Amino acid sequence: MTMCNSYPRLLADIGGTNARFAIETAPSQIRHQKTLAAQDFPQLIDAIDYFLTSENQKAIQHVAIAIANPVTSDTIKMTNHHWSFSIQQMKSDLQAKTLLIINDFTAQALAIPAISSEHLLAIGSPLPTSVDAMLPIAVVGPGTGLGVSGLIPNGQGQMIALAGEGGHVSFSPRDAVERELLAFAEEKFQGHVSAERLLRGEGLTLLYEFFAKKAGISQHKKKTPAEVTHGALVQQDGICLTVLSRYCRMLGDTCANVALTIGATGGVYLCGGIVPRFVDFLRQSDFRACFEDKGRFATCMKKIPVYVVNHDNPGLLGASMALKNHL
């Protein structure tokens, strides 16, 4: 196969809320980007068909889909959405020569080296630099869920993306307030409380419910994550400020745990749709202090940079990189 006849390619980044699509018309030329609401389609294949029809694309031979789900067998059943499908059946339905399905945060990780410093917002020092191909990096992303991945050097100048579900590790409280929060969440979920439960978008709703109850405030209806962030950033609401401040503390601690686990001395990169909405607040919060507060490893943590990725669609970029590597 020559490079020229392997285009156009279909790229997709599928989350629990949004399905993002694009056509790669030539190497690194990602065009015709469109975001669809996942809830508007019975299954993923219906969303794909709609997108291809809207873009007048009929014969796409090579497809890469990044999806918010483990990819361990032919059958995919999404954790945060009702879609399910067989990879082989979808490949047949699309009449594609190549259908590559990867975890969405594997794609996010693969995208990092291709993202320029202008799309990286530093949280504390040091300032953004290009990704050092010799150092491991971690990727953490609060959104509909909590994605976790990383890039590890293979010793030959290339980076290997880690596919995992680190967002589902047990939440680890740091102080008395978080121990109360854990007990509250355990009762609500009748058992295990993952980091994702508290750090995904809906975690802001849960945190507000907890702190409102703690303050003796009755809720007539649940606050959405958007209402919580608006209440903190615009209205200066006391409970909302407490929620967002605590969220930043817990996110800092979780990012540090990921960095320590995989030895991410090259940095931690925050992706997803939640954090870019309050970057300035995050910078002024205790995020960095909690990130560095790791006892005997505090000095090491101070040297690890943290960046918020301010890029429209790193998942599509990562899907492109994965397909390039595969072909």
Protein backbone atom coordinates (compact mmCIF):
# COMPACT_ATOMS: atom_id res chain seq x y z
CA MET A 1 0.00 0.00 0.00
CA THR A 2 1.35 3.43 -0.90
CA MET A 3 0.84 6.36 1.44
CA CYS A 4 -1.23 8.35 -1.05
CA ASN A 5 -3.88 5.68 -1.63
CA SER A 6 -4.52 5.12 2.09
CA TYR A 7 -6.44 8.41 2.32
CA PRO A 8 -8.99 9.65 3.17
CA ARG A 9 -9.17 8.11 6.63
CA LEU A 10 -12.00 8.27 9.15
CA LEU A 11 -11.04 9.32 12.68
CA ALA A 12 -13.33 9.25 15.71
CA ASP A 13 -13.10 10.09 19.40
CA ILE A 14 -16.05 8.58 21.25
CA GLY A 15 -16.93 9.58 24.80
CA GLY A 16 -19.95 9.03 26.97
CA THR A 17 -21.40 12.41 25.99
CA ASN A 18 -19.97 13.40 22.62
CA ALA A 19 -18.91 11.57 19.47
CA ARG A 20 -16.28 13.52 17.54
CA PHE A 21 -15.49 12.70 13.94
CA ALA A 22 -13.08 13.92 11.29
CA ILE A 23 -11.63 13.00 7.92
CA GLU A 24 -7.85 12.87 7.54
CA THR A 25 -7.32 13.84 3.92
CA ALA A 26 -3.50 13.59 3.92
CA PRO A 27 -0.80 13.07 6.57
CA SER A 28 -1.65 15.30 9.59
CA GLN A 29 -4.37 17.06 7.59
CA ILE A 30 -7.42 16.52 9.82
CA ARG A 31 -10.46 18.14 8.24
CA HIS A 32 -14.28 18.16 8.39
CA GLN A 33 -14.40 17.90 12.18
CA LYS A 34 -17.87 17.45 13.63
CA THR A 35 -19.17 16.77 17.14
CA LEU A 36 -22.40 14.82 17.59
CA ALA A 37 -24.37 14.15 20.77
CA ALA A 38 -24.02 10.45 21.57
CA GLN A 39 -27.53 10.31 23.01
CA ASP A 40 -29.00 11.22 19.60
CA PHE A 41 -28.04 7.88 18.04
CA PRO A 42 -29.11 4.32 18.91
CA GLN A 43 -25.63 2.92 18.26
CA LEU A 44 -22.18 4.09 17.20
CA ILE A 45 -22.61 2.79 13.65
CA ASP A 46 -25.62 5.10 13.26
CA ALA A 47 -23.54 8.12 14.26
CA ILE A 48 -20.78 7.08 11.86
CA ASP A 49 -23.25 6.65 8.99
CA TYR A 50 -24.75 10.07 9.73
CA PHE A 51 -21.34 11.74 9.72
CA LEU A 52 -20.14 10.06 6.52
CA THR A 53 -23.39 10.92 4.74
CA SER A 54 -23.22 14.55 5.89
CA GLU A 55 -19.67 14.81 4.53
CA ASN A 56 -20.53 12.94 1.32
CA GLN A 57 -17.93 10.28 2.12
CA LYS A 58 -18.73 6.82 0.79
CA ALA A 59 -15.59 4.69 0.59
CA ILE A 60 -13.38 5.02 3.65
CA GLN A 61 -10.91 2.15 3.76
CA HIS A 62 -9.03 2.95 6.97
CA VAL A 63 -10.73 3.86 10.24
CA ALA A 64 -9.40 4.60 13.73
CA ILE A 65 -11.75 5.02 16.68
CA ALA A 66 -10.68 6.11 20.14
CA ILE A 67 -13.35 5.11 22.65
CA ALA A 68 -13.92 5.74 26.35
CA ASN A 69 -13.83 2.08 27.28
CA PRO A 70 -11.45 -0.82 27.78
CA VAL A 71 -10.65 -2.58 24.51
CA THR A 72 -9.95 -6.18 25.46
CA SER A 73 -12.05 -8.27 23.07
CA ASP A 74 -14.16 -8.09 19.93
CA THR A 75 -17.20 -6.95 21.92
CA ILE A 76 -17.27 -3.36 23.17
CA LYS A 77 -19.85 -2.35 25.79
CA MET A 78 -19.35 1.26 26.85
CA THR A 79 -19.09 1.96 30.58
CA ASN A 80 -20.57 5.48 30.49
CA HIS A 81 -23.04 5.06 27.62
CA HIS A 82 -25.42 2.42 26.24
CA TRP A 83 -23.60 1.79 22.95
CA SER A 84 -22.23 -1.69 22.28
CA PHE A 85 -20.85 -3.33 19.16
CA SER A 86 -18.67 -6.05 17.65
CA ILE A 87 -15.45 -4.74 16.14
CA GLN A 88 -15.49 -7.32 13.35
CA GLN A 89 -19.16 -6.65 12.57
CA MET A 90 -18.55 -2.91 12.42
CA LYS A 91 -15.56 -3.43 10.12
CA SER A 92 -17.82 -5.47 7.84
CA ASP A 93 -20.62 -2.89 8.00
CA LEU A 94 -18.19 -0.11 7.06
CA GLN A 95 -16.58 -2.27 4.35
CA ALA A 96 -13.23 -1.07 5.69
CA LYS A 97 -9.83 -2.67 5.18
CA THR A 98 -8.68 -1.39 8.56
CA LEU A 99 -10.69 -0.72 11.71
CA LEU A 100 -8.51 0.19 14.67
CA ILE A 101 -10.25 0.55 18.05
CA ILE A 102 -8.18 1.97 20.91
CA ASN A 103 -8.88 3.32 24.38
CA ASP A 104 -9.57 7.05 24.29
CA PHE A 105 -6.80 7.90 26.71
CA THR A 106 -4.33 5.78 24.83
CA ALA A 107 -5.17 8.14 21.97
CA GLN A 108 -4.81 11.19 24.22
CA ALA A 109 -1.36 9.97 25.26
CA LEU A 110 -0.27 9.33 21.66
CA ALA A 111 -1.28 12.90 20.78
CA ILE A 112 0.87 14.64 23.40
CA PRO A 113 4.20 14.67 21.50
CA ALA A 114 2.43 16.24 18.51
CA ILE A 115 0.87 19.08 20.52
CA SER A 116 2.84 22.34 20.41
CA SER A 117 3.67 24.35 23.54
CA GLU A 118 1.13 27.03 22.60
CA HIS A 119 -1.58 24.50 23.51
CA LEU A 120 -0.04 23.70 26.92
CA LEU A 121 -0.93 25.75 30.01
CA ALA A 122 1.51 25.25 32.88
CA ILE A 123 0.22 24.73 36.41
CA GLY A 124 3.14 26.02 38.45
CA SER A 125 6.69 25.83 37.17
CA PRO A 126 8.55 24.79 35.09
CA LEU A 127 7.16 26.40 31.96
CA PRO A 128 6.02 24.25 29.02
CA THR A 129 8.65 22.68 26.79
CA SER A 130 8.49 20.04 24.09
CA VAL A 131 7.91 16.48 25.24
CA ASP A 132 11.20 14.78 26.10
CA ALA A 133 11.09 11.45 24.27
CA MET A 134 13.40 9.96 26.90
CA LEU A 135 11.09 10.62 29.87
CA PRO A 136 7.78 8.94 30.77
CA ILE A 137 4.69 11.15 30.90
CA ALA A 138 1.24 10.70 32.45
CA VAL A 139 -2.08 11.76 30.95
CA VAL A 140 -5.09 12.33 33.22
CA GLY A 141 -8.45 13.51 31.96
CA PRO A 142 -11.59 14.39 33.91
CA GLY A 143 -14.64 14.43 31.67
CA THR A 144 -17.67 12.15 31.52
CA GLY A 145 -15.32 9.70 33.24
CA LEU A 146 -11.72 9.91 34.43
CA GLY A 147 -9.21 8.77 31.83
CA VAL A 148 -5.68 7.77 32.77
CA SER A 149 -2.84 6.80 30.47
CA GLY A 150 0.84 7.40 29.88
CA LEU A 151 3.70 7.27 27.42
CA ILE A 152 6.75 5.19 28.23
CA PRO A 153 10.00 5.29 26.19
CA ASN A 154 10.94 1.97 24.61
CA GLY A 155 14.68 2.70 24.58
CA GLN A 156 14.72 3.09 20.79
CA GLY A 157 13.52 6.68 20.52
CA GLN A 158 9.83 5.76 20.45
CA MET A 159 7.06 6.06 23.02
CA ILE A 160 4.64 3.27 23.95
CA ALA A 161 1.15 4.26 25.10
CA LEU A 162 -0.27 2.54 28.16
CA ALA A 163 -3.84 1.27 27.93
CA GLY A 164 -5.46 1.09 31.36
CA GLU A 165 -8.41 2.11 33.50
CA GLY A 166 -6.63 4.05 36.23
CA GLY A 167 -9.70 6.19 36.87
CA HIS A 168 -11.33 3.20 38.56
CA VAL A 169 -8.74 2.85 41.32
CA SER A 170 -10.14 3.34 44.83
CA PHE A 171 -10.44 6.94 46.00
CA SER A 172 -7.89 7.61 48.74
CA PRO A 173 -8.86 10.33 51.26
CA ARG A 174 -6.13 12.60 52.62
CA ASP A 175 -7.84 14.23 55.61
CA ALA A 176 -10.90 14.11 57.87
CA VAL A 177 -13.12 15.94 55.38
CA GLU A 178 -12.30 13.49 52.62
CA ARG A 179 -12.86 10.56 54.95
CA GLU A 180 -16.36 11.93 55.59
CA LEU A 181 -16.79 12.39 51.85
CA LEU A 182 -15.74 8.80 51.21
CA ALA A 183 -18.26 7.50 53.76
CA PHE A 184 -20.95 9.66 52.13
CA ALA A 185 -20.10 8.32 48.67
CA GLU A 186 -19.86 4.71 49.87
CA GLU A 187 -23.39 4.96 51.22
CA LYS A 188 -24.62 6.55 48.01
CA PHE A 189 -22.99 4.00 45.71
CA GLN A 190 -23.42 1.08 48.12
CA GLY A 191 -19.79 0.09 48.06
CA HIS A 192 -16.65 0.86 46.14
CA VAL A 193 -15.87 4.51 45.41
CA SER A 194 -13.41 5.08 42.60
CA ALA A 195 -11.42 8.22 41.92
CA GLU A 196 -13.59 8.64 38.83
CA ARG A 197 -16.77 8.94 40.92
CA LEU A 198 -15.42 12.14 42.48
CA LEU A 199 -13.21 13.62 39.76
CA ARG A 200 -15.38 13.22 36.66
CA GLY A 201 -17.76 16.04 35.78
CA GLU A 202 -20.60 14.55 37.81
CA GLY A 203 -18.22 14.49 40.77
CA LEU A 204 -18.81 18.23 41.16
CA THR A 205 -22.52 17.50 41.62
CA LEU A 206 -21.73 14.87 44.24
CA LEU A 207 -19.31 17.17 46.06
CA TYR A 208 -21.91 19.93 46.15
CA GLU A 209 -24.48 17.53 47.58
CA PHE A 210 -21.98 16.50 50.28
CA PHE A 211 -20.91 20.01 51.30
CA ALA A 212 -24.48 21.37 51.18
CA LYS A 213 -25.61 18.59 53.51
CA LYS A 214 -22.62 19.23 55.76
CA ALA A 215 -23.62 22.92 55.95
CA GLY A 216 -27.26 22.07 56.69
CA ILE A 217 -28.50 23.37 53.34
CA SER A 218 -31.35 21.42 51.75
CA GLN A 219 -31.34 21.00 47.97
CA HIS A 220 -34.54 21.17 45.97
CA LYS A 221 -32.73 19.88 42.89
CA LYS A 222 -29.21 18.74 42.10
CA LYS A 223 -26.75 21.26 40.73
CA THR A 224 -25.16 20.39 37.42
CA PRO A 225 -21.36 20.54 37.07
CA ALA A 226 -21.76 23.68 34.95
CA GLU A 227 -23.88 25.32 37.67
CA VAL A 228 -21.27 24.47 40.30
CA THR A 229 -18.40 25.98 38.31
CA HIS A 230 -20.49 29.03 37.42
CA GLY A 231 -21.45 29.44 41.08
CA ALA A 232 -17.79 29.38 42.09
CA LEU A 233 -16.27 31.46 39.31
CA VAL A 234 -19.00 34.02 38.67
CA GLN A 235 -21.35 34.14 41.65
CA GLN A 236 -18.67 33.50 44.30
CA ASP A 237 -21.10 31.15 46.04
CA GLY A 238 -19.55 29.83 49.25
CA ILE A 239 -20.50 26.17 48.82
CA CYS A 240 -19.51 26.17 45.15
CA LEU A 241 -16.13 27.70 46.03
CA THR A 242 -15.61 25.02 48.67
CA VAL A 243 -16.53 22.32 46.15
CA LEU A 244 -14.20 23.56 43.42
CA SER A 245 -11.35 24.12 45.87
CA ARG A 246 -11.68 20.59 47.25
CA TYR A 247 -11.95 19.21 43.73
CA CYS A 248 -8.64 20.83 42.78
CA ARG A 249 -6.97 19.42 45.90
CA MET A 250 -8.16 15.88 45.15
CA LEU A 251 -7.20 16.19 41.49
CA GLY A 252 -3.70 17.29 42.47
CA ASP A 253 -3.29 14.30 44.77
CA THR A 254 -4.62 11.87 42.16
CA CYS A 255 -2.32 13.26 39.46
CA ALA A 256 0.63 12.84 41.83
CA ASN A 257 -0.35 9.23 42.50
CA VAL A 258 -0.41 8.52 38.77
CA ALA A 259 2.93 10.27 38.27
CA LEU A 260 4.53 8.24 41.05
CA THR A 261 3.03 4.98 39.81
CA ILE A 262 4.46 5.20 36.29
CA GLY A 263 7.47 7.39 37.09
CA ALA A 264 6.21 10.29 34.96
CA THR A 265 9.23 12.57 35.37
CA GLY A 266 8.46 14.06 31.96
CA GLY A 267 5.26 15.63 33.23
CA VAL A 268 1.55 15.18 33.82
CA TYR A 269 -0.82 16.35 31.09
CA LEU A 270 -4.42 17.18 32.00
CA CYS A 271 -6.87 16.55 29.16
CA GLY A 272 -10.64 16.29 29.05
CA GLY A 273 -13.45 18.82 29.00
CA ILE A 274 -13.61 19.79 32.67
CA VAL A 275 -10.33 21.42 33.71
CA PRO A 276 -9.93 23.92 30.82
CA ARG A 277 -13.05 25.67 32.14
CA PHE A 278 -11.29 26.84 35.30
CA VAL A 279 -7.54 26.92 34.58
CA ASP A 280 -6.99 30.22 36.41
CA PHE A 281 -8.80 28.90 39.47
CA LEU A 282 -6.74 25.70 39.31
CA ARG A 283 -3.52 27.71 39.23
CA GLN A 284 -4.51 29.64 42.35
CA SER A 285 -5.83 26.59 44.19
CA ASP A 286 -4.00 24.02 46.32
CA PHE A 287 -3.66 21.70 43.32
CA ARG A 288 0.08 22.11 43.04
CA ALA A 289 0.64 21.98 46.82
CA CYS A 290 -1.26 18.68 47.04
CA PHE A 291 0.55 17.37 43.97
CA GLU A 292 3.91 18.02 45.64
CA ASP A 293 2.91 16.90 49.15
CA LYS A 294 4.29 13.37 48.94
CA GLY A 295 6.49 13.18 52.02
CA ARG A 296 9.96 11.89 51.21
CA PHE A 297 9.26 12.35 47.49
CA ALA A 298 8.20 16.00 47.79
CA THR A 299 11.46 17.24 46.30
CA CYS A 300 11.05 14.95 43.30
CA MET A 301 7.43 16.04 42.80
CA LYS A 302 8.44 19.71 42.66
CA LYS A 303 10.46 18.90 39.53
CA ILE A 304 7.56 17.31 37.64
CA PRO A 305 5.70 19.77 35.40
CA VAL A 306 1.92 19.73 35.06
CA TYR A 307 0.19 21.09 31.97
CA VAL A 308 -3.43 21.58 30.98
CA VAL A 309 -3.84 20.58 27.33
CA ASN A 310 -5.79 23.34 25.61
CA HIS A 311 -6.35 21.63 22.27
CA ASP A 312 -9.68 21.16 20.52
CA ASN A 313 -9.44 17.46 19.72
CA PRO A 314 -6.35 15.63 20.99
CA GLY A 315 -8.31 12.37 20.77
CA LEU A 316 -8.64 12.71 17.00
CA LEU A 317 -4.96 13.58 16.73
CA GLY A 318 -4.10 10.50 18.78
CA ALA A 319 -6.35 8.30 16.64
CA SER A 320 -4.48 9.60 13.61
CA MET A 321 -1.13 8.75 15.21
CA ALA A 322 -2.35 5.25 16.14
CA LEU A 323 -3.55 4.57 12.60
CA LYS A 324 -0.28 5.87 11.16
CA ASN A 325 1.70 3.53 13.43
CA HIS A 326 -0.59 0.61 12.61
CA LEU A 327 -0.41 0.99 8.84
